[in-house]
Amino acid sequence: MSETKRQALEKVGLLNTRAGQVHSPLFRRFEFFDAHDKLQVKYEMLRSHEVDKVPISRAAELFGYTRQAYYKIRQAFLKEGLSGLAGKKRGRKGPVTCTPEVVGFLLKEKQRNPELTGRELTERLLAEKGVEVHQRTVEKIVADFSASRRRKKKP
């Protein structure tokens, strides 16, 4: 595989780091098939069962996956087509909702009433601003602010 293709696959998260576990004859006989291309490997695994009637356990083994992984991959393909084979990016799925306005609201509420819990602050934020933030996030904001104020007070 060319370095350019490897870099392109890696950049979009489709580099199959387990290429050495792909034992399908297709990937050994034909240059067209690339065991480093995760999307191609997954598609060919599904095709081998659906078209060539290879048993699921054997198909999974030939392509470096478990039987359980086969079912997950198949479900994603049936639900989303080829894009389902690309997998999902990990990490945050959307923008952070803790804008300066949200943080300011939380801190003012906590200053007005220091006895408020994270849960109560979360509920007030939703009720008054229509913003839903996880309770733990609210608790971290308040704790971080309190810690920074304590550091500033020290001579």
Protein backbone atom coordinates (compact mmCIF):
# COMPACT_ATOMS: atom_id res chain seq x y z
CA MET A 1 0.00 0.00 0.00
CA SER A 2 1.26 3.43 -0.87
CA GLU A 3 2.10 5.85 1.91
CA THR A 4 -0.38 8.34 0.43
CA LYS A 5 -3.25 5.85 0.68
CA ARG A 6 -2.22 4.89 4.21
CA GLN A 7 -2.21 8.54 5.25
CA ALA A 8 -5.60 9.13 3.62
CA LEU A 9 -7.15 6.13 5.38
CA GLU A 10 -5.63 7.18 8.68
CA LYS A 11 -6.84 10.75 8.29
CA VAL A 12 -10.49 9.68 7.92
CA GLY A 13 -10.26 6.95 10.56
CA LEU A 14 -10.50 4.01 8.14
CA LEU A 15 -7.04 2.51 8.53
CA ASN A 16 -7.43 -1.11 9.58
CA THR A 17 -4.70 -1.55 12.17
CA ARG A 18 -5.47 -5.28 12.28
CA ALA A 19 -4.70 -5.91 8.61
CA GLY A 20 -2.51 -8.86 9.57
CA GLN A 21 -5.60 -10.66 10.89
CA VAL A 22 -7.33 -10.59 7.49
CA HIS A 23 -6.92 -14.07 6.01
CA SER A 24 -9.48 -13.97 3.21
CA PRO A 25 -8.08 -15.40 -0.03
CA LEU A 26 -9.40 -12.33 -1.90
CA PHE A 27 -7.02 -10.09 -0.01
CA ARG A 28 -4.09 -12.37 -0.78
CA ARG A 29 -4.79 -13.02 -4.47
CA PHE A 30 -5.91 -9.66 -5.82
CA GLU A 31 -4.13 -6.34 -5.52
CA PHE A 32 -7.51 -4.56 -5.67
CA PHE A 33 -8.32 -5.75 -2.17
CA ASP A 34 -6.49 -3.92 0.60
CA ALA A 35 -6.55 -5.36 4.12
CA HIS A 36 -5.60 -1.92 5.46
CA ASP A 37 -8.88 -0.44 4.19
CA LYS A 38 -11.29 -1.01 7.08
CA LEU A 39 -14.37 -0.12 5.03
CA GLN A 40 -13.47 -2.59 2.30
CA VAL A 41 -12.69 -5.34 4.79
CA LYS A 42 -16.02 -4.91 6.58
CA TYR A 43 -17.98 -4.81 3.33
CA GLU A 44 -16.28 -7.92 1.97
CA MET A 45 -16.91 -9.74 5.25
CA LEU A 46 -20.64 -9.01 4.98
CA ARG A 47 -20.67 -9.88 1.28
CA SER A 48 -18.89 -13.18 1.88
CA HIS A 49 -21.72 -14.31 4.12
CA GLU A 50 -24.63 -12.80 2.19
CA VAL A 51 -23.48 -13.71 -1.33
CA ASP A 52 -20.95 -16.53 -0.98
CA LYS A 53 -22.88 -18.12 1.92
CA VAL A 54 -19.78 -18.39 4.12
CA PRO A 55 -20.96 -19.13 7.69
CA ILE A 56 -20.90 -16.04 9.90
CA SER A 57 -18.29 -17.40 12.31
CA ARG A 58 -15.98 -18.28 9.43
CA ALA A 59 -16.54 -14.96 7.64
CA ALA A 60 -15.74 -13.04 10.82
CA GLU A 61 -12.59 -15.11 11.35
CA LEU A 62 -11.40 -14.63 7.75
CA PHE A 63 -11.68 -10.87 8.03
CA GLY A 64 -10.23 -10.46 11.51
CA TYR A 65 -13.44 -9.88 13.47
CA THR A 66 -15.46 -11.76 16.05
CA ARG A 67 -18.94 -13.13 15.42
CA GLN A 68 -20.36 -10.49 17.76
CA ALA A 69 -18.56 -7.74 15.83
CA TYR A 70 -20.00 -9.18 12.60
CA TYR A 71 -23.54 -8.69 13.91
CA LYS A 72 -22.82 -5.11 15.00
CA ILE A 73 -21.24 -4.29 11.65
CA ARG A 74 -24.16 -5.88 9.79
CA GLN A 75 -26.68 -3.91 11.85
CA ALA A 76 -24.85 -0.65 11.15
CA PHE A 77 -24.78 -1.47 7.43
CA LEU A 78 -28.48 -2.31 7.30
CA LYS A 79 -29.34 0.88 9.18
CA GLU A 80 -26.95 3.36 7.51
CA GLY A 81 -25.56 1.73 4.36
CA LEU A 82 -21.87 2.07 3.58
CA SER A 83 -21.51 5.04 5.93
CA GLY A 84 -22.46 2.69 8.78
CA LEU A 85 -19.34 0.67 8.06
CA ALA A 86 -17.12 3.68 8.66
CA GLY A 87 -17.93 3.57 12.36
CA LYS A 88 -18.56 6.46 14.64
CA LYS A 89 -16.09 8.99 15.89
CA ARG A 90 -15.51 8.82 19.59
CA GLY A 91 -15.70 11.75 21.90
CA ARG A 92 -17.95 14.76 22.09
CA LYS A 93 -20.83 14.56 19.64
CA GLY A 94 -21.75 18.20 19.55
CA PRO A 95 -20.79 21.65 20.62
CA VAL A 96 -20.25 22.49 24.26
CA THR A 97 -23.34 24.21 25.61
CA CYS A 98 -21.48 25.88 28.44
CA THR A 99 -21.20 29.30 26.88
CA PRO A 100 -19.96 32.21 28.99
CA GLU A 101 -23.62 33.13 29.53
CA VAL A 102 -24.39 29.65 30.92
CA VAL A 103 -21.33 29.65 33.16
CA GLY A 104 -22.18 33.14 34.39
CA PHE A 105 -25.74 32.09 35.19
CA LEU A 106 -24.55 29.07 37.17
CA LEU A 107 -22.00 31.04 39.15
CA LYS A 108 -24.44 33.83 39.98
CA GLU A 109 -27.01 31.32 41.18
CA LYS A 110 -24.41 29.57 43.32
CA GLN A 111 -23.23 32.89 44.79
CA ARG A 112 -26.80 33.92 45.62
CA ASN A 113 -27.47 30.60 47.28
CA PRO A 114 -24.31 28.61 48.19
CA GLU A 115 -26.45 25.71 49.46
CA LEU A 116 -27.70 24.85 45.94
CA THR A 117 -26.65 21.38 44.79
CA GLY A 118 -25.45 20.49 41.31
CA ARG A 119 -28.80 18.89 40.63
CA GLU A 120 -30.70 22.00 41.66
CA LEU A 121 -28.46 24.21 39.54
CA THR A 122 -28.96 21.88 36.58
CA GLU A 123 -32.73 22.05 37.00
CA ARG A 124 -32.70 25.86 37.27
CA LEU A 125 -30.55 26.16 34.16
CA LEU A 126 -32.99 24.05 32.19
CA ALA A 127 -36.06 25.81 33.57
CA GLU A 128 -34.79 29.38 33.18
CA LYS A 129 -32.47 29.20 30.19
CA GLY A 130 -33.70 26.10 28.36
CA VAL A 131 -30.18 24.70 28.33
CA GLU A 132 -29.61 21.07 29.26
CA VAL A 133 -26.20 20.32 30.75
CA HIS A 134 -25.19 17.21 32.63
CA GLN A 135 -25.23 17.61 36.40
CA ARG A 136 -21.58 16.59 36.70
CA THR A 137 -20.59 19.33 34.23
CA VAL A 138 -22.39 21.90 36.38
CA GLU A 139 -20.63 20.59 39.49
CA LYS A 140 -17.24 20.85 37.75
CA ILE A 141 -17.89 24.44 36.69
CA VAL A 142 -18.76 25.46 40.23
CA ALA A 143 -15.84 23.53 41.72
CA ASP A 144 -13.35 24.97 39.20
CA PHE A 145 -14.53 28.48 39.94
CA SER A 146 -14.29 27.93 43.69
CA ALA A 147 -10.80 26.48 43.35
CA SER A 148 -9.60 29.41 41.21
CA ARG A 149 -10.97 31.91 43.76
CA ARG A 150 -9.10 30.14 46.57
CA ARG A 151 -5.85 30.29 44.60
CA LYS A 152 -6.26 34.02 43.96
CA LYS A 153 -6.80 34.78 47.66
CA LYS A 154 -3.46 33.24 48.70
CA PRO A 155 -0.66 35.86 49.02
